[in-house]
Amino acid sequence: MDLSKQDLWVFGYGSLMWNPGFPFREAVTGRLYGYHRDLCIWSRHYRGDAEQPGLVLGLDRGGSCTGVSYRVAAADRRAVLAYLQQRELFTDIYHAVCKPVQLHGGRKITALSFIVDRAHGQYTGRLAVNEVSRIVAKARGRRGANREYVLNTLAHLQAMGFPCRRLQQVAEGLNGARRSRG
């Protein structure tokens, strides 16, 4: 079977949900089982720098994760894969793997998903919520403030009707940090 002639599904769980950056035919909410969303990756480029690293989301083992699955036309497959290689895989922190996703409505598809590599030096493990909030509040990188990334992701999850308790707790910590600075 020639996969290059088939549409490609891509699972977005962080900024890909609100800024995919590639053409797609369909966007459907869905759930990936066996992995959860967490701010578990040091960012020294996009959402932080060498002196003040930020944190970005990864799919880590355990639980499940709601996100957006994008169906990419077969004709766009090669260009989208090249784009995602540059955007998501430039530091090798993720393993790009195809995983089953259950779409809203019950349909099951296989989607390209970016799973965190726990052996990579950028992997933080599970940090305490107050530590995550402290890091995110201070960090800024090439793509902007770390705070903006977290709050945009949370807002999109809430708009889709899928609350994320951990991100909500981080956001509450960010609001507390803002009030304490005055």
Protein backbone atom coordinates (compact mmCIF):
# COMPACT_ATOMS: atom_id res chain seq x y z
CA MET A 1 0.00 0.00 0.00
CA ASP A 2 1.40 3.39 -1.01
CA LEU A 3 0.82 5.69 2.00
CA SER A 4 1.82 8.79 0.01
CA LYS A 5 -1.46 8.48 -1.91
CA GLN A 6 -3.59 8.48 1.24
CA ASP A 7 -4.78 11.38 3.34
CA LEU A 8 -2.78 11.96 6.52
CA TRP A 9 -4.25 12.58 9.96
CA VAL A 10 -2.30 14.73 12.44
CA PHE A 11 -3.21 14.93 16.15
CA GLY A 12 -2.80 18.38 17.75
CA TYR A 13 -2.87 18.75 21.54
CA GLY A 14 -1.04 22.08 22.10
CA SER A 15 -0.37 24.96 19.74
CA LEU A 16 -1.29 22.79 16.75
CA MET A 17 -4.90 23.09 17.98
CA TRP A 18 -4.96 26.87 17.60
CA ASN A 19 -2.17 27.39 15.07
CA PRO A 20 -1.72 24.33 12.86
CA GLY A 21 0.15 26.25 10.14
CA PHE A 22 -0.69 23.76 7.38
CA PRO A 23 -3.60 23.15 5.00
CA PHE A 24 -6.19 20.57 6.03
CA ARG A 25 -9.50 19.24 4.75
CA GLU A 26 -11.12 18.47 8.08
CA ALA A 27 -10.56 19.25 11.76
CA VAL A 28 -12.31 17.02 14.30
CA THR A 29 -11.94 16.80 18.06
CA GLY A 30 -10.78 13.44 19.27
CA ARG A 31 -9.19 11.55 22.12
CA LEU A 32 -5.84 9.80 22.15
CA TYR A 33 -5.63 7.06 24.79
CA GLY A 34 -2.46 6.06 26.62
CA TYR A 35 -0.97 9.57 26.75
CA HIS A 36 -1.73 12.83 28.50
CA ARG A 37 -0.86 16.47 27.82
CA ASP A 38 1.71 18.01 30.17
CA LEU A 39 4.12 20.93 30.30
CA CYS A 40 7.10 18.60 30.48
CA ILE A 41 9.54 19.94 27.88
CA TRP A 42 12.11 22.70 28.34
CA SER A 43 11.88 25.33 25.59
CA ARG A 44 15.05 27.32 24.96
CA HIS A 45 13.93 28.69 21.60
CA TYR A 46 10.20 29.12 21.02
CA ARG A 47 8.87 29.90 24.53
CA GLY A 48 12.05 30.58 26.47
CA ASP A 49 15.78 31.10 26.00
CA ALA A 50 19.07 29.73 27.36
CA GLU A 51 18.97 31.96 30.46
CA GLN A 52 15.26 31.53 31.23
CA PRO A 53 13.89 28.35 29.61
CA GLY A 54 10.15 28.01 29.26
CA LEU A 55 7.97 24.93 29.16
CA VAL A 56 5.99 23.50 26.26
CA LEU A 57 3.55 20.66 26.03
CA GLY A 58 4.35 17.06 25.32
CA LEU A 59 2.31 13.90 25.17
CA ASP A 60 3.57 11.80 28.05
CA ARG A 61 2.69 8.22 29.01
CA GLY A 62 -0.55 7.48 30.85
CA GLY A 63 -4.13 8.69 30.78
CA SER A 64 -5.74 10.20 27.71
CA CYS A 65 -5.71 13.49 25.84
CA THR A 66 -8.37 15.40 23.94
CA GLY A 67 -7.19 17.41 20.97
CA VAL A 68 -7.88 18.20 17.34
CA SER A 69 -7.23 15.72 14.53
CA TYR A 70 -6.56 17.28 11.14
CA ARG A 71 -7.11 15.41 7.89
CA VAL A 72 -4.50 16.49 5.36
CA ALA A 73 -5.10 15.79 1.67
CA ALA A 74 -2.78 13.22 0.11
CA ALA A 75 -1.57 15.91 -2.31
CA ASP A 76 -0.37 18.03 0.65
CA ARG A 77 1.07 15.14 2.66
CA ARG A 78 4.74 15.57 1.72
CA ALA A 79 4.74 19.36 2.29
CA VAL A 80 2.90 19.04 5.62
CA LEU A 81 5.31 16.33 6.84
CA ALA A 82 8.27 18.56 5.92
CA TYR A 83 6.67 21.49 7.75
CA LEU A 84 5.99 19.38 10.85
CA GLN A 85 9.55 18.00 10.75
CA GLN A 86 10.88 21.57 10.93
CA ARG A 87 8.36 22.79 13.50
CA GLU A 88 8.07 19.85 15.89
CA LEU A 89 11.14 17.66 15.42
CA PHE A 90 14.07 20.07 15.18
CA THR A 91 15.43 19.04 18.62
CA ASP A 92 14.40 15.35 18.53
CA ILE A 93 12.42 15.69 21.79
CA TYR A 94 9.42 14.01 20.17
CA HIS A 95 8.91 10.65 18.55
CA ALA A 96 6.62 11.09 15.55
CA VAL A 97 4.42 7.98 15.64
CA CYS A 98 1.03 6.98 14.31
CA LYS A 99 -1.47 6.29 17.10
CA PRO A 100 -5.18 5.43 17.14
CA VAL A 101 -7.48 8.35 17.92
CA GLN A 102 -11.21 8.18 18.57
CA LEU A 103 -12.89 11.13 16.91
CA HIS A 104 -15.94 12.92 18.29
CA GLY A 105 -18.86 10.87 17.04
CA GLY A 106 -17.07 7.55 17.47
CA ARG A 107 -15.07 7.18 14.25
CA LYS A 108 -11.55 5.78 14.78
CA ILE A 109 -8.56 6.93 12.77
CA THR A 110 -4.79 6.64 12.96
CA ALA A 111 -3.04 9.99 13.40
CA LEU A 112 0.52 11.20 13.41
CA SER A 113 1.21 12.12 17.03
CA PHE A 114 4.22 13.67 18.73
CA ILE A 115 5.12 11.67 21.85
CA VAL A 116 7.75 13.02 24.26
CA ASP A 117 11.07 11.17 24.45
CA ARG A 118 11.59 10.67 28.18
CA ALA A 119 15.33 10.01 27.63
CA HIS A 120 15.88 13.42 25.98
CA GLY A 121 17.65 16.17 27.95
CA GLN A 122 14.74 18.58 27.44
CA TYR A 123 12.30 16.28 29.23
CA THR A 124 11.48 17.67 32.69
CA GLY A 125 9.41 14.85 34.11
CA ARG A 126 6.35 15.79 36.16
CA LEU A 127 6.93 19.15 37.86
CA ALA A 128 4.80 20.56 40.66
CA VAL A 129 2.09 22.96 39.46
CA ASN A 130 3.54 25.92 41.41
CA GLU A 131 6.97 25.30 39.83
CA VAL A 132 5.42 25.14 36.35
CA SER A 133 3.57 28.43 36.96
CA ARG A 134 6.75 30.11 38.20
CA ILE A 135 8.72 29.01 35.12
CA VAL A 136 5.97 29.91 32.64
CA ALA A 137 5.42 33.35 34.21
CA LYS A 138 9.03 34.42 33.51
CA ALA A 139 9.86 32.79 30.17
CA ARG A 140 9.78 34.40 26.73
CA GLY A 141 11.16 33.08 23.45
CA ARG A 142 11.15 33.67 19.69
CA ARG A 143 7.44 32.87 19.46
CA GLY A 144 6.46 35.02 22.41
CA ALA A 145 5.65 34.72 26.06
CA ASN A 146 5.35 31.26 27.58
CA ARG A 147 2.27 32.55 29.45
CA GLU A 148 0.53 33.29 26.14
CA TYR A 149 1.17 29.75 24.88
CA VAL A 150 -0.32 28.17 28.01
CA LEU A 151 -3.33 30.50 28.17
CA ASN A 152 -4.09 30.10 24.43
CA THR A 153 -4.01 26.34 24.75
CA LEU A 154 -6.27 26.42 27.81
CA ALA A 155 -8.71 28.83 26.13
CA HIS A 156 -9.01 26.59 23.08
CA LEU A 157 -9.59 23.51 25.19
CA GLN A 158 -12.28 25.33 27.17
CA ALA A 159 -13.93 26.61 23.96
CA MET A 160 -14.10 23.03 22.69
CA GLY A 161 -15.71 22.01 25.97
CA PHE A 162 -12.71 19.99 27.17
CA PRO A 163 -11.34 21.35 30.43
CA CYS A 164 -7.77 20.53 31.38
CA ARG A 165 -7.40 20.58 35.14
CA ARG A 166 -3.60 20.76 35.12
CA LEU A 167 -3.46 23.72 32.70
CA GLN A 168 -6.23 25.42 34.68
CA GLN A 169 -4.14 25.06 37.85
CA VAL A 170 -1.08 26.48 36.06
CA ALA A 171 -3.18 29.42 34.80
CA GLU A 172 -4.44 30.10 38.32
CA GLY A 173 -0.81 30.13 39.47
CA LEU A 174 0.04 32.58 36.69
CA ASN A 175 -2.76 34.90 37.80
CA GLY A 176 -1.45 34.69 41.35
CA ALA A 177 2.08 35.51 40.15
CA ARG A 178 0.76 38.52 38.25
CA ARG A 179 -1.13 39.83 41.32
CA SER A 180 1.91 39.38 43.58
CA ARG A 181 4.09 41.43 41.20
CA GLY A 182 1.67 44.21 41.52
